[in-house]
């Protein structure tokens, strides 16, 4: 259940996730690093 309707607003920027720096870093690395097995088709 979504308790805050602001999440549907395009201008809404959620606050930073506290104490999740390592997890965010891992996600960013995964999204920005190309895996050698990936191929452009």
PDB file of N, CA and C in Angstrom:
ATOM      1  N   UNK A   1       0.845  -1.170   0.000  1.00  0.00           N
ATOM      2  CA  UNK A   1       0.000   0.000   0.000  1.00  0.00           C
ATOM      3  C   UNK A   1       0.895   1.240   0.000  1.00  0.00           C
ATOM      4  N   UNK A   2       0.587   2.177  -0.847  1.00  0.00           N
ATOM      5  CA  UNK A   2       1.360   3.410  -0.939  1.00  0.00           C
ATOM      6  C   UNK A   2       0.728   4.439  -0.004  1.00  0.00           C
ATOM      7  N   UNK A   3       1.502   4.864   0.978  1.00  0.00           N
ATOM      8  CA  UNK A   3       0.988   5.790   1.984  1.00  0.00           C
ATOM      9  C   UNK A   3       1.204   7.250   1.610  1.00  0.00           C
ATOM     10  N   UNK A   4       2.131   7.524   0.704  1.00  0.00           N
ATOM     11  CA  UNK A   4       2.448   8.899   0.349  1.00  0.00           C
ATOM     12  C   UNK A   4       2.128   9.126  -1.126  1.00  0.00           C
ATOM     13  N   UNK A   5       1.062   9.863  -1.433  1.00  0.00           N
ATOM     14  CA  UNK A   5       0.685  10.074  -2.842  1.00  0.00           C
ATOM     15  C   UNK A   5       1.689  10.913  -3.624  1.00  0.00           C
ATOM     16  N   UNK A   6       2.644  11.563  -2.943  1.00  0.00           N
ATOM     17  CA  UNK A   6       3.650  12.369  -3.652  1.00  0.00           C
ATOM     18  C   UNK A   6       4.514  11.524  -4.572  1.00  0.00           C
ATOM     19  N   UNK A   7       4.605  10.219  -4.334  1.00  0.00           N
ATOM     20  CA  UNK A   7       5.459   9.381  -5.176  1.00  0.00           C
ATOM     21  C   UNK A   7       4.983   9.343  -6.625  1.00  0.00           C
ATOM     22  N   UNK A   8       3.739   9.728  -6.875  1.00  0.00           N
ATOM     23  CA  UNK A   8       3.207   9.760  -8.233  1.00  0.00           C
ATOM     24  C   UNK A   8       3.473  11.085  -8.930  1.00  0.00           C
ATOM     25  N   UNK A   9       3.985  12.051  -8.193  1.00  0.00           N
ATOM     26  CA  UNK A   9       4.283  13.365  -8.738  1.00  0.00           C
ATOM     27  C   UNK A   9       5.640  13.321  -9.434  1.00  0.00           C
ATOM     28  N   UNK A  10       5.701  13.747 -10.687  1.00  0.00           N
ATOM     29  CA  UNK A  10       6.943  13.688 -11.461  1.00  0.00           C
ATOM     30  C   UNK A  10       8.061  14.529 -10.858  1.00  0.00           C
ATOM     31  N   UNK A  11       7.731  15.583 -10.140  1.00  0.00           N
ATOM     32  CA  UNK A  11       8.748  16.445  -9.549  1.00  0.00           C
ATOM     33  C   UNK A  11       9.218  15.962  -8.184  1.00  0.00           C
ATOM     34  N   UNK A  12       8.596  14.953  -7.642  1.00  0.00           N
ATOM     35  CA  UNK A  12       8.954  14.456  -6.316  1.00  0.00           C
ATOM     36  C   UNK A  12      10.281  13.715  -6.371  1.00  0.00           C
ATOM     37  N   UNK A  13      11.202  14.109  -5.498  1.00  0.00           N
ATOM     38  CA  UNK A  13      12.494  13.440  -5.381  1.00  0.00           C
ATOM     39  C   UNK A  13      12.547  12.821  -3.989  1.00  0.00           C
ATOM     40  N   UNK A  14      12.633  11.499  -3.914  1.00  0.00           N
ATOM     41  CA  UNK A  14      12.660  10.874  -2.592  1.00  0.00           C
ATOM     42  C   UNK A  14      13.949  11.217  -1.850  1.00  0.00           C
ATOM     43  N   UNK A  15      13.888  11.169  -0.537  1.00  0.00           N
ATOM     44  CA  UNK A  15      15.109  11.449   0.240  1.00  0.00           C
ATOM     45  C   UNK A  15      16.136  10.343   0.039  1.00  0.00           C
ATOM     46  N   UNK A  16      17.363  10.653   0.371  1.00  0.00           N
ATOM     47  CA  UNK A  16      18.422   9.652   0.279  1.00  0.00           C
ATOM     48  C   UNK A  16      18.141   8.500   1.236  1.00  0.00           C
ATOM     49  N   UNK A  17      18.567   7.327   0.839  1.00  0.00           N
ATOM     50  CA  UNK A  17      18.423   6.164   1.707  1.00  0.00           C
ATOM     51  C   UNK A  17      19.565   6.158   2.708  1.00  0.00           C
ATOM     52  N   UNK A  18      19.238   6.323   3.946  1.00  0.00           N
ATOM     53  CA  UNK A  18      20.259   6.373   4.983  1.00  0.00           C
ATOM     54  C   UNK A  18      20.823   4.992   5.252  1.00  0.00           C
ATOM     55  N   UNK A  19      22.122   4.936   5.449  1.00  0.00           N
ATOM     56  CA  UNK A  19      22.830   3.705   5.799  1.00  0.00           C
ATOM     57  C   UNK A  19      22.738   2.642   4.703  1.00  0.00           C
ATOM     58  N   UNK A  20      22.556   3.066   3.468  1.00  0.00           N
ATOM     59  CA  UNK A  20      22.490   2.138   2.334  1.00  0.00           C
ATOM     60  C   UNK A  20      23.524   2.485   1.281  1.00  0.00           C
ATOM     61  N   UNK A  21      24.597   3.143   1.699  1.00  0.00           N
ATOM     62  CA  UNK A  21      25.610   3.583   0.746  1.00  0.00           C
ATOM     63  C   UNK A  21      26.222   2.419  -0.020  1.00  0.00           C
ATOM     64  N   UNK A  22      26.527   1.323   0.673  1.00  0.00           N
ATOM     65  CA  UNK A  22      27.144   0.165   0.002  1.00  0.00           C
ATOM     66  C   UNK A  22      26.200  -0.446  -1.021  1.00  0.00           C
ATOM     67  N   UNK A  23      24.936  -0.578  -0.673  1.00  0.00           N
ATOM     68  CA  UNK A  23      23.969  -1.164  -1.597  1.00  0.00           C
ATOM     69  C   UNK A  23      23.762  -0.279  -2.822  1.00  0.00           C
ATOM     70  N   UNK A  24      23.697   1.021  -2.605  1.00  0.00           N
ATOM     71  CA  UNK A  24      23.531   1.952  -3.724  1.00  0.00           C
ATOM     72  C   UNK A  24      24.756   1.913  -4.623  1.00  0.00           C
ATOM     73  N   UNK A  25      25.915   1.848  -4.019  1.00  0.00           N
ATOM     74  CA  UNK A  25      27.163   1.751  -4.795  1.00  0.00           C
ATOM     75  C   UNK A  25      27.175   0.493  -5.658  1.00  0.00           C
ATOM     76  N   UNK A  26      26.752  -0.626  -5.099  1.00  0.00           N
ATOM     77  CA  UNK A  26      26.704  -1.882  -5.855  1.00  0.00           C
ATOM     78  C   UNK A  26      25.732  -1.782  -7.023  1.00  0.00           C
ATOM     79  N   UNK A  27      24.568  -1.205  -6.791  1.00  0.00           N
ATOM     80  CA  UNK A  27      23.600  -1.042  -7.876  1.00  0.00           C
ATOM     81  C   UNK A  27      24.139  -0.153  -8.977  1.00  0.00           C
ATOM     82  N   UNK A  28      24.739   0.958  -8.603  1.00  0.00           N
ATOM     83  CA  UNK A  28      25.299   1.860  -9.615  1.00  0.00           C
ATOM     84  C   UNK A  28      26.380   1.172 -10.430  1.00  0.00           C
ATOM     85  N   UNK A  29      27.224   0.389  -9.765  1.00  0.00           N
ATOM     86  CA  UNK A  29      28.271  -0.344 -10.476  1.00  0.00           C
ATOM     87  C   UNK A  29      27.659  -1.342 -11.459  1.00  0.00           C
ATOM     88  N   UNK A  30      26.607  -2.019 -11.040  1.00  0.00           N
ATOM     89  CA  UNK A  30      25.962  -2.999 -11.929  1.00  0.00           C
ATOM     90  C   UNK A  30      25.324  -2.334 -13.139  1.00  0.00           C
ATOM     91  N   UNK A  31      24.718  -1.171 -12.911  1.00  0.00           N
ATOM     92  CA  UNK A  31      24.035  -0.484 -14.011  1.00  0.00           C
ATOM     93  C   UNK A  31      25.000   0.188 -14.967  1.00  0.00           C
ATOM     94  N   UNK A  32      26.196   0.520 -14.499  1.00  0.00           N
ATOM     95  CA  UNK A  32      27.121   1.266 -15.348  1.00  0.00           C
ATOM     96  C   UNK A  32      28.267   0.428 -15.896  1.00  0.00           C
ATOM     97  N   UNK A  33      28.380  -0.819 -15.454  1.00  0.00           N
ATOM     98  CA  UNK A  33      29.445  -1.693 -15.925  1.00  0.00           C
ATOM     99  C   UNK A  33      28.865  -2.715 -16.897  1.00  0.00           C
ATOM    100  N   UNK A  34      29.478  -2.803 -18.041  1.00  0.00           N
ATOM    101  CA  UNK A  34      28.998  -3.753 -19.044  1.00  0.00           C
ATOM    102  C   UNK A  34      29.621  -5.118 -18.801  1.00  0.00           C
ATOM    103  N   UNK A  35      28.801  -6.129 -18.806  1.00  0.00           N
ATOM    104  CA  UNK A  35      29.272  -7.489 -18.600  1.00  0.00           C
ATOM    105  C   UNK A  35      29.856  -8.000 -19.915  1.00  0.00           C
ATOM    106  N   UNK A  36      30.973  -8.724 -19.869  1.00  0.00           N
ATOM    107  CA  UNK A  36      31.608  -9.201 -21.108  1.00  0.00           C
ATOM    108  C   UNK A  36      30.704 -10.112 -21.952  1.00  0.00           C
ATOM    109  N   UNK A  37      29.763 -10.797 -21.330  1.00  0.00           N
ATOM    110  CA  UNK A  37      28.889 -11.679 -22.089  1.00  0.00           C
ATOM    111  C   UNK A  37      27.770 -10.942 -22.802  1.00  0.00           C
ATOM    112  N   UNK A  38      27.547  -9.671 -22.442  1.00  0.00           N
ATOM    113  CA  UNK A  38      26.504  -8.892 -23.102  1.00  0.00           C
ATOM    114  C   UNK A  38      26.941  -8.547 -24.511  1.00  0.00           C
ATOM    115  N   UNK A  39      26.032  -8.686 -25.445  1.00  0.00           N
ATOM    116  CA  UNK A  39      26.344  -8.373 -26.837  1.00  0.00           C
ATOM    117  C   UNK A  39      25.292  -7.434 -27.386  1.00  0.00           C
ATOM    118  N   UNK A  40      25.714  -6.533 -28.228  1.00  0.00           N
ATOM    119  CA  UNK A  40      24.770  -5.676 -28.954  1.00  0.00           C
ATOM    120  C   UNK A  40      24.242  -6.457 -30.137  1.00  0.00           C
ATOM    121  N   UNK A  41      22.938  -6.513 -30.261  1.00  0.00           N
ATOM    122  CA  UNK A  41      22.355  -7.220 -31.416  1.00  0.00           C
ATOM    123  C   UNK A  41      21.503  -6.312 -32.229  1.00  0.00           C
TER     124      UNK A  41
END
